[in-house]
Amino acid sequence: MRVLVTGCAGFIGSHVVVLLVQQGHEVL
């Protein structure tokens, strides 16, 4: 799934991006 994450420079956002990529999602 493609996921758009806003605020990915913060603590929570950066961890969410890592988890999504590990699960095979495409982060925009």
PDB file of N, CA and C in Angstrom:
ATOM      1  N   MET A   1       0.843  -1.165   0.000  1.00  0.00           N
ATOM      2  CA  MET A   1       0.000   0.000   0.000  1.00  0.00           C
ATOM      3  C   MET A   1       0.894   1.236   0.000  1.00  0.00           C
ATOM      4  N   ARG A   2       0.457   2.267  -0.680  1.00  0.00           N
ATOM      5  CA  ARG A   2       1.172   3.541  -0.642  1.00  0.00           C
ATOM      6  C   ARG A   2       0.655   4.355   0.534  1.00  0.00           C
ATOM      7  N   VAL A   3       1.585   4.908   1.297  1.00  0.00           N
ATOM      8  CA  VAL A   3       1.222   5.664   2.492  1.00  0.00           C
ATOM      9  C   VAL A   3       1.921   7.011   2.453  1.00  0.00           C
ATOM     10  N   LEU A   4       1.164   8.082   2.685  1.00  0.00           N
ATOM     11  CA  LEU A   4       1.741   9.421   2.784  1.00  0.00           C
ATOM     12  C   LEU A   4       1.826   9.773   4.262  1.00  0.00           C
ATOM     13  N   VAL A   5       3.042  10.005   4.744  1.00  0.00           N
ATOM     14  CA  VAL A   5       3.252  10.342   6.151  1.00  0.00           C
ATOM     15  C   VAL A   5       3.718  11.784   6.219  1.00  0.00           C
ATOM     16  N   THR A   6       2.948  12.621   6.911  1.00  0.00           N
ATOM     17  CA  THR A   6       3.368  14.011   7.109  1.00  0.00           C
ATOM     18  C   THR A   6       3.984  14.125   8.496  1.00  0.00           C
ATOM     19  N   GLY A   7       4.924  14.998   8.643  1.00  0.00           N
ATOM     20  CA  GLY A   7       5.595  15.160   9.926  1.00  0.00           C
ATOM     21  C   GLY A   7       6.567  14.031  10.230  1.00  0.00           C
ATOM     22  N   CYS A   8       7.171  13.465   9.193  1.00  0.00           N
ATOM     23  CA  CYS A   8       8.042  12.302   9.402  1.00  0.00           C
ATOM     24  C   CYS A   8       9.405  12.685   9.971  1.00  0.00           C
ATOM     25  N   ALA A   9       9.671  13.974  10.149  1.00  0.00           N
ATOM     26  CA  ALA A   9      10.950  14.381  10.728  1.00  0.00           C
ATOM     27  C   ALA A   9      10.945  14.273  12.249  1.00  0.00           C
ATOM     28  N   GLY A  10       9.768  14.153  12.835  1.00  0.00           N
ATOM     29  CA  GLY A  10       9.663  14.044  14.290  1.00  0.00           C
ATOM     30  C   GLY A  10       9.953  12.638  14.783  1.00  0.00           C
ATOM     31  N   PHE A  11       9.931  12.479  16.084  1.00  0.00           N
ATOM     32  CA  PHE A  11      10.271  11.199  16.713  1.00  0.00           C
ATOM     33  C   PHE A  11       9.287  10.107  16.313  1.00  0.00           C
ATOM     34  N   ILE A  12       8.000  10.369  16.464  1.00  0.00           N
ATOM     35  CA  ILE A  12       6.986   9.350  16.165  1.00  0.00           C
ATOM     36  C   ILE A  12       6.929   9.079  14.662  1.00  0.00           C
ATOM     37  N   GLY A  13       6.935  10.124  13.861  1.00  0.00           N
ATOM     38  CA  GLY A  13       6.854   9.954  12.412  1.00  0.00           C
ATOM     39  C   GLY A  13       8.003   9.152  11.849  1.00  0.00           C
ATOM     40  N   SER A  14       9.201   9.390  12.350  1.00  0.00           N
ATOM     41  CA  SER A  14      10.357   8.655  11.829  1.00  0.00           C
ATOM     42  C   SER A  14      10.261   7.172  12.163  1.00  0.00           C
ATOM     43  N   HIS A  15       9.737   6.834  13.325  1.00  0.00           N
ATOM     44  CA  HIS A  15       9.572   5.427  13.690  1.00  0.00           C
ATOM     45  C   HIS A  15       8.452   4.774  12.886  1.00  0.00           C
ATOM     46  N   VAL A  16       7.388   5.531  12.619  1.00  0.00           N
ATOM     47  CA  VAL A  16       6.277   4.999  11.820  1.00  0.00           C
ATOM     48  C   VAL A  16       6.756   4.676  10.413  1.00  0.00           C
ATOM     49  N   VAL A  17       7.568   5.552   9.826  1.00  0.00           N
ATOM     50  CA  VAL A  17       8.088   5.329   8.476  1.00  0.00           C
ATOM     51  C   VAL A  17       8.919   4.053   8.434  1.00  0.00           C
ATOM     52  N   VAL A  18       9.776   3.847   9.408  1.00  0.00           N
ATOM     53  CA  VAL A  18      10.613   2.643   9.451  1.00  0.00           C
ATOM     54  C   VAL A  18       9.744   1.393   9.537  1.00  0.00           C
ATOM     55  N   LEU A  19       8.737   1.411  10.392  1.00  0.00           N
ATOM     56  CA  LEU A  19       7.860   0.248  10.542  1.00  0.00           C
ATOM     57  C   LEU A  19       7.089  -0.039   9.260  1.00  0.00           C
ATOM     58  N   LEU A  20       6.595   1.002   8.597  1.00  0.00           N
ATOM     59  CA  LEU A  20       5.841   0.806   7.357  1.00  0.00           C
ATOM     60  C   LEU A  20       6.720   0.202   6.267  1.00  0.00           C
ATOM     61  N   VAL A  21       7.948   0.690   6.146  1.00  0.00           N
ATOM     62  CA  VAL A  21       8.864   0.167   5.131  1.00  0.00           C
ATOM     63  C   VAL A  21       9.209  -1.288   5.429  1.00  0.00           C
ATOM     64  N   GLN A  22       9.418  -1.621   6.695  1.00  0.00           N
ATOM     65  CA  GLN A  22       9.733  -2.999   7.069  1.00  0.00           C
ATOM     66  C   GLN A  22       8.581  -3.941   6.737  1.00  0.00           C
ATOM     67  N   GLN A  23       7.358  -3.429   6.771  1.00  0.00           N
ATOM     68  CA  GLN A  23       6.184  -4.245   6.470  1.00  0.00           C
ATOM     69  C   GLN A  23       5.896  -4.303   4.975  1.00  0.00           C
ATOM     70  N   GLY A  24       6.716  -3.633   4.165  1.00  0.00           N
ATOM     71  CA  GLY A  24       6.585  -3.724   2.721  1.00  0.00           C
ATOM     72  C   GLY A  24       5.737  -2.645   2.082  1.00  0.00           C
ATOM     73  N   HIS A  25       5.389  -1.605   2.842  1.00  0.00           N
ATOM     74  CA  HIS A  25       4.593  -0.519   2.283  1.00  0.00           C
ATOM     75  C   HIS A  25       5.500   0.482   1.571  1.00  0.00           C
ATOM     76  N   GLU A  26       4.918   1.216   0.643  1.00  0.00           N
ATOM     77  CA  GLU A  26       5.655   2.269  -0.061  1.00  0.00           C
ATOM     78  C   GLU A  26       5.312   3.593   0.603  1.00  0.00           C
ATOM     79  N   VAL A  27       6.297   4.246   1.183  1.00  0.00           N
ATOM     80  CA  VAL A  27       6.081   5.506   1.892  1.00  0.00           C
ATOM     81  C   VAL A  27       6.415   6.655   0.962  1.00  0.00           C
ATOM     82  N   LEU A  28       5.467   7.588   0.846  1.00  0.00           N
ATOM     83  CA  LEU A  28       5.664   8.756  -0.016  1.00  0.00           C
ATOM     84  C   LEU A  28       6.053   9.953   0.811  1.00  0.00           C
TER      85      LEU A  28
END
